[in-house]
Structure formats: C-alpha cells, structure tokens
Amino acid sequence: MKLWRGTGASLALAMPTVGICLPYYDIFRNFMEEFTTRNAPSLTPYVPLVAGSLARSLAFITCYPVELARTRMQAFKESATKPPGMWKTLHMVISPVRTTSNIQNLD
C-alpha cells in the first residue's frame, strides 16, 4: 500500500522539525529584538516574521534529506522485489556516489 509508505519517515521528521524550529525562533527573535530596539526601532514589528522565516528555513535545510527519502519511498514503483525501507532510502539519498544508472533514472 503506497498510501502508508513513508509514515515512519514522517513521524521521524516531526520531532526534529519542531525541536529545531521553536528554540531557534526564540533565539533569533530575542537577538533581533535587542538589535532592532537599539539600532532600528521602526523594524521591530517585523522581527517575528523574520525570526520565524529563519528558524523554519534552518529546520527545512536540516530535515530535507529525510523528507526526500520519504517522498522517494512513497513514489517507489511496485515490483516483485521488496521496496527499500526508510534507512536504505535515506542512505541512497545521502550517498555521494552517483552511478550512470541513477542519472538514467532521472530521465
């Protein structure tokens, strides 16, 4: 069932994403509020927007390989062989070695 493939990876992403986003939001917001209050008071209302954007971007960049593995697991074509699991797919995503067969699969 393709619908449930990648559920483990989705659950594995929940905690790190929130665990990165919330603390860094507070860190960025506190730093920027201090800075803007002293140097550019007119920009202080925009601090939460910028801090949230930076924190979410950092969480996305950090968790992107697992997200990519989840997407590949869900898109895996049905065949007679057992589809790769989360760890094998993640290893395939992160692996720096690219063969010609991987490039041909992109076409």
N, C-alpha and C. Protein backbone atom coordinates (compact mmCIF):
# COMPACT_ATOMS: atom_id res chain seq x y z
N MET A 1 0.84 -1.18 0.00
CA MET A 1 0.00 0.00 0.00
C MET A 1 0.88 1.24 0.00
N LYS A 2 0.83 1.97 -1.10
CA LYS A 2 1.66 3.16 -1.23
C LYS A 2 1.23 4.28 -0.29
N LEU A 3 -0.01 4.27 0.12
CA LEU A 3 -0.50 5.34 0.98
C LEU A 3 0.25 5.40 2.30
N TRP A 4 0.60 4.26 2.86
CA TRP A 4 1.24 4.22 4.17
C TRP A 4 2.75 4.20 4.10
N ARG A 5 3.33 4.05 2.92
CA ARG A 5 4.79 4.08 2.80
C ARG A 5 5.29 5.47 3.16
N GLY A 6 6.32 5.53 3.95
CA GLY A 6 6.88 6.81 4.35
C GLY A 6 6.32 7.35 5.65
N THR A 7 5.39 6.62 6.27
CA THR A 7 4.81 7.09 7.53
C THR A 7 5.88 7.15 8.62
N GLY A 8 6.76 6.16 8.65
CA GLY A 8 7.84 6.16 9.64
C GLY A 8 8.75 7.36 9.47
N ALA A 9 9.05 7.70 8.23
CA ALA A 9 9.89 8.88 7.97
C ALA A 9 9.16 10.16 8.36
N SER A 10 7.86 10.22 8.13
CA SER A 10 7.09 11.40 8.53
C SER A 10 7.10 11.57 10.03
N LEU A 11 6.95 10.46 10.75
CA LEU A 11 7.00 10.53 12.21
C LEU A 11 8.40 10.87 12.70
N ALA A 12 9.41 10.39 11.99
CA ALA A 12 10.79 10.71 12.36
C ALA A 12 11.10 12.19 12.12
N LEU A 13 10.36 12.82 11.24
CA LEU A 13 10.56 14.25 10.95
C LEU A 13 9.86 15.16 11.94
N ALA A 14 8.83 14.69 12.59
CA ALA A 14 8.02 15.56 13.44
C ALA A 14 8.82 16.19 14.57
N MET A 15 9.53 15.38 15.32
CA MET A 15 10.27 15.90 16.48
C MET A 15 11.45 16.79 16.08
N PRO A 16 12.32 16.38 15.15
CA PRO A 16 13.44 17.26 14.82
C PRO A 16 13.00 18.60 14.24
N THR A 17 11.95 18.58 13.43
CA THR A 17 11.49 19.83 12.84
C THR A 17 11.03 20.81 13.91
N VAL A 18 10.20 20.34 14.81
CA VAL A 18 9.72 21.20 15.90
C VAL A 18 10.85 21.52 16.86
N GLY A 19 11.71 20.53 17.12
CA GLY A 19 12.84 20.73 18.02
C GLY A 19 13.86 21.71 17.52
N ILE A 20 13.92 21.92 16.22
CA ILE A 20 14.81 22.93 15.65
C ILE A 20 14.10 24.26 15.54
N CYS A 21 12.87 24.23 15.06
CA CYS A 21 12.14 25.45 14.75
C CYS A 21 11.85 26.30 16.00
N LEU A 22 11.29 25.73 17.03
CA LEU A 22 10.87 26.52 18.19
C LEU A 22 12.04 27.16 18.96
N PRO A 23 13.08 26.41 19.32
CA PRO A 23 14.16 27.07 20.05
C PRO A 23 14.88 28.14 19.22
N TYR A 24 15.10 27.85 17.92
CA TYR A 24 15.80 28.83 17.10
C TYR A 24 14.93 30.05 16.83
N TYR A 25 13.63 29.88 16.79
CA TYR A 25 12.75 31.03 16.67
C TYR A 25 12.95 31.98 17.85
N ASP A 26 12.96 31.42 19.06
CA ASP A 26 13.18 32.24 20.25
C ASP A 26 14.55 32.89 20.25
N ILE A 27 15.58 32.14 19.88
CA ILE A 27 16.94 32.69 19.83
C ILE A 27 17.02 33.83 18.83
N PHE A 28 16.53 33.60 17.61
CA PHE A 28 16.59 34.64 16.58
C PHE A 28 15.75 35.86 16.98
N ARG A 29 14.54 35.62 17.52
CA ARG A 29 13.67 36.72 17.90
C ARG A 29 14.29 37.58 18.99
N ASN A 30 14.83 36.95 20.02
CA ASN A 30 15.45 37.71 21.11
C ASN A 30 16.63 38.54 20.61
N PHE A 31 17.48 37.93 19.80
CA PHE A 31 18.64 38.64 19.27
C PHE A 31 18.20 39.82 18.39
N MET A 32 17.26 39.57 17.50
CA MET A 32 16.83 40.63 16.57
C MET A 32 16.04 41.73 17.28
N GLU A 33 15.25 41.37 18.29
CA GLU A 33 14.53 42.41 19.04
C GLU A 33 15.49 43.34 19.75
N GLU A 34 16.52 42.77 20.36
CA GLU A 34 17.54 43.59 21.00
C GLU A 34 18.21 44.50 19.99
N PHE A 35 18.60 43.93 18.87
CA PHE A 35 19.31 44.69 17.84
C PHE A 35 18.44 45.80 17.26
N THR A 36 17.21 45.48 16.89
CA THR A 36 16.35 46.49 16.26
C THR A 36 15.91 47.56 17.26
N THR A 37 15.74 47.21 18.51
CA THR A 37 15.34 48.19 19.52
C THR A 37 16.43 49.26 19.66
N ARG A 38 17.69 48.84 19.61
CA ARG A 38 18.79 49.80 19.73
C ARG A 38 19.09 50.52 18.43
N ASN A 39 19.04 49.85 17.30
CA ASN A 39 19.54 50.42 16.05
C ASN A 39 18.47 50.85 15.05
N ALA A 40 17.34 50.15 15.02
CA ALA A 40 16.30 50.47 14.03
C ALA A 40 14.93 50.18 14.62
N PRO A 41 14.42 51.03 15.52
CA PRO A 41 13.14 50.76 16.18
C PRO A 41 11.95 50.57 15.23
N SER A 42 12.02 51.16 14.06
CA SER A 42 10.90 51.03 13.13
C SER A 42 10.78 49.61 12.56
N LEU A 43 11.83 48.82 12.66
CA LEU A 43 11.81 47.45 12.13
C LEU A 43 11.39 46.41 13.17
N THR A 44 11.23 46.81 14.41
CA THR A 44 10.89 45.88 15.48
C THR A 44 9.60 45.07 15.21
N PRO A 45 8.55 45.65 14.62
CA PRO A 45 7.34 44.84 14.37
C PRO A 45 7.56 43.67 13.38
N TYR A 46 8.60 43.74 12.58
CA TYR A 46 8.85 42.69 11.60
C TYR A 46 9.74 41.57 12.13
N VAL A 47 10.23 41.71 13.35
CA VAL A 47 11.14 40.72 13.92
C VAL A 47 10.53 39.32 13.99
N PRO A 48 9.29 39.13 14.47
CA PRO A 48 8.74 37.76 14.50
C PRO A 48 8.65 37.11 13.12
N LEU A 49 8.33 37.88 12.10
CA LEU A 49 8.26 37.35 10.75
C LEU A 49 9.62 36.86 10.27
N VAL A 50 10.64 37.67 10.46
CA VAL A 50 11.98 37.30 10.01
C VAL A 50 12.52 36.14 10.84
N ALA A 51 12.32 36.18 12.16
CA ALA A 51 12.80 35.11 13.03
C ALA A 51 12.13 33.78 12.68
N GLY A 52 10.84 33.80 12.44
CA GLY A 52 10.13 32.58 12.05
C GLY A 52 10.59 32.05 10.72
N SER A 53 10.84 32.94 9.78
CA SER A 53 11.33 32.53 8.46
C SER A 53 12.70 31.88 8.56
N LEU A 54 13.58 32.48 9.34
CA LEU A 54 14.92 31.92 9.50
C LEU A 54 14.89 30.57 10.22
N ALA A 55 14.09 30.47 11.28
CA ALA A 55 14.01 29.22 12.04
C ALA A 55 13.43 28.10 11.18
N ARG A 56 12.39 28.39 10.44
CA ARG A 56 11.77 27.36 9.59
C ARG A 56 12.71 26.96 8.46
N SER A 57 13.43 27.92 7.90
CA SER A 57 14.40 27.61 6.85
C SER A 57 15.50 26.70 7.37
N LEU A 58 15.99 26.98 8.57
CA LEU A 58 17.02 26.15 9.17
C LEU A 58 16.49 24.73 9.41
N ALA A 59 15.26 24.61 9.90
CA ALA A 59 14.66 23.29 10.12
C ALA A 59 14.48 22.55 8.80
N PHE A 60 14.08 23.25 7.77
CA PHE A 60 13.88 22.62 6.46
C PHE A 60 15.19 22.10 5.89
N ILE A 61 16.23 22.93 5.95
CA ILE A 61 17.53 22.54 5.41
C ILE A 61 18.08 21.32 6.16
N THR A 62 17.88 21.30 7.46
CA THR A 62 18.38 20.20 8.28
C THR A 62 17.62 18.91 8.01
N CYS A 63 16.31 18.97 7.85
CA CYS A 63 15.48 17.77 7.72
C CYS A 63 15.19 17.39 6.27
N TYR A 64 15.71 18.12 5.31
CA TYR A 64 15.40 17.86 3.90
C TYR A 64 15.79 16.45 3.44
N PRO A 65 16.96 15.91 3.83
CA PRO A 65 17.28 14.56 3.35
C PRO A 65 16.25 13.51 3.78
N VAL A 66 15.71 13.61 4.98
CA VAL A 66 14.71 12.64 5.43
C VAL A 66 13.40 12.86 4.67
N GLU A 67 13.06 14.10 4.40
CA GLU A 67 11.86 14.42 3.62
C GLU A 67 11.98 13.85 2.20
N LEU A 68 13.15 13.98 1.62
CA LEU A 68 13.39 13.44 0.29
C LEU A 68 13.28 11.91 0.30
N ALA A 69 13.83 11.28 1.34
CA ALA A 69 13.73 9.81 1.45
C ALA A 69 12.27 9.39 1.57
N ARG A 70 11.47 10.13 2.34
CA ARG A 70 10.05 9.81 2.49
C ARG A 70 9.33 9.90 1.15
N THR A 71 9.60 10.95 0.42
CA THR A 71 8.96 11.14 -0.88
C THR A 71 9.35 10.03 -1.85
N ARG A 72 10.62 9.66 -1.84
CA ARG A 72 11.06 8.57 -2.73
C ARG A 72 10.43 7.24 -2.34
N MET A 73 10.27 7.02 -1.04
CA MET A 73 9.63 5.78 -0.60
C MET A 73 8.19 5.72 -1.09
N GLN A 74 7.49 6.85 -1.05
CA GLN A 74 6.09 6.87 -1.48
C GLN A 74 5.98 6.74 -2.99
N ALA A 75 6.98 7.18 -3.72
CA ALA A 75 6.92 7.15 -5.18
C ALA A 75 7.52 5.86 -5.75
N PHE A 76 8.04 4.98 -4.90
CA PHE A 76 8.67 3.74 -5.36
C PHE A 76 7.66 2.91 -6.14
N LYS A 77 8.05 2.46 -7.32
CA LYS A 77 7.17 1.67 -8.16
C LYS A 77 7.01 0.26 -7.59
N GLU A 78 5.81 -0.26 -7.70
CA GLU A 78 5.54 -1.62 -7.24
C GLU A 78 6.29 -2.60 -8.13
N SER A 79 6.93 -3.57 -7.51
CA SER A 79 7.63 -4.60 -8.27
C SER A 79 7.61 -5.88 -7.44
N ALA A 80 8.20 -6.93 -8.00
CA ALA A 80 8.23 -8.22 -7.31
C ALA A 80 9.16 -8.18 -6.10
N THR A 81 10.15 -7.30 -6.14
CA THR A 81 11.08 -7.20 -5.01
C THR A 81 10.50 -6.28 -3.94
N LYS A 82 10.97 -6.49 -2.74
CA LYS A 82 10.52 -5.66 -1.62
C LYS A 82 11.09 -4.25 -1.78
N PRO A 83 10.25 -3.20 -1.63
CA PRO A 83 10.76 -1.84 -1.76
C PRO A 83 11.71 -1.51 -0.59
N PRO A 84 12.66 -0.61 -0.82
CA PRO A 84 13.61 -0.27 0.24
C PRO A 84 12.91 0.44 1.39
N GLY A 85 13.42 0.24 2.59
CA GLY A 85 12.88 0.90 3.77
C GLY A 85 13.42 2.31 3.93
N MET A 86 13.09 2.92 5.06
CA MET A 86 13.47 4.31 5.30
C MET A 86 14.99 4.48 5.34
N TRP A 87 15.69 3.62 6.09
CA TRP A 87 17.14 3.79 6.24
C TRP A 87 17.88 3.55 4.94
N LYS A 88 17.47 2.55 4.18
CA LYS A 88 18.13 2.28 2.90
C LYS A 88 17.87 3.42 1.92
N THR A 89 16.65 3.92 1.89
CA THR A 89 16.32 5.04 1.01
C THR A 89 17.11 6.28 1.42
N LEU A 90 17.20 6.53 2.73
CA LEU A 90 17.95 7.69 3.21
C LEU A 90 19.42 7.57 2.85
N HIS A 91 19.97 6.35 2.96
CA HIS A 91 21.36 6.13 2.57
C HIS A 91 21.54 6.39 1.08
N MET A 92 20.57 5.97 0.26
CA MET A 92 20.65 6.21 -1.18
C MET A 92 20.59 7.70 -1.49
N VAL A 93 19.82 8.46 -0.71
CA VAL A 93 19.69 9.91 -0.93
C VAL A 93 20.97 10.63 -0.56
N ILE A 94 21.55 10.25 0.57
CA ILE A 94 22.73 10.96 1.08
C ILE A 94 24.02 10.49 0.43
N SER A 95 24.03 9.27 -0.06
CA SER A 95 25.25 8.69 -0.64
C SER A 95 25.83 9.60 -1.72
N PRO A 96 27.12 9.93 -1.60
CA PRO A 96 27.73 10.84 -2.58
C PRO A 96 28.05 10.17 -3.91
N VAL A 97 28.04 8.86 -3.96
CA VAL A 97 28.39 8.14 -5.19
C VAL A 97 27.19 8.13 -6.11
N ARG A 98 27.38 8.63 -7.31
CA ARG A 98 26.31 8.64 -8.31
C ARG A 98 26.76 7.79 -9.49
N THR A 99 25.94 6.82 -9.84
CA THR A 99 26.27 5.97 -10.97
C THR A 99 25.50 6.43 -12.18
N THR A 100 25.85 5.88 -13.33
CA THR A 100 25.15 6.26 -14.55
C THR A 100 23.71 5.77 -14.51
N SER A 101 23.44 4.68 -13.79
CA SER A 101 22.06 4.19 -13.72
C SER A 101 21.18 5.19 -12.95
N ASN A 102 21.73 5.84 -11.91
CA ASN A 102 20.96 6.86 -11.20
C ASN A 102 20.65 8.04 -12.10
N ILE A 103 21.59 8.43 -12.93
CA ILE A 103 21.35 9.54 -13.84
C ILE A 103 20.32 9.16 -14.90
N GLN A 104 20.36 7.91 -15.38
CA GLN A 104 19.40 7.46 -16.38
C GLN A 104 18.00 7.39 -15.78
N ASN A 105 17.86 7.10 -14.49
CA ASN A 105 16.54 7.02 -13.87
C ASN A 105 15.88 8.39 -13.77
N LEU A 106 16.66 9.46 -13.83
CA LEU A 106 16.09 10.81 -13.74
C LEU A 106 15.38 11.21 -15.03
N ASP A 107 15.75 10.60 -16.13
CA ASP A 107 15.14 10.97 -17.42
C ASP A 107 13.73 10.47 -17.53
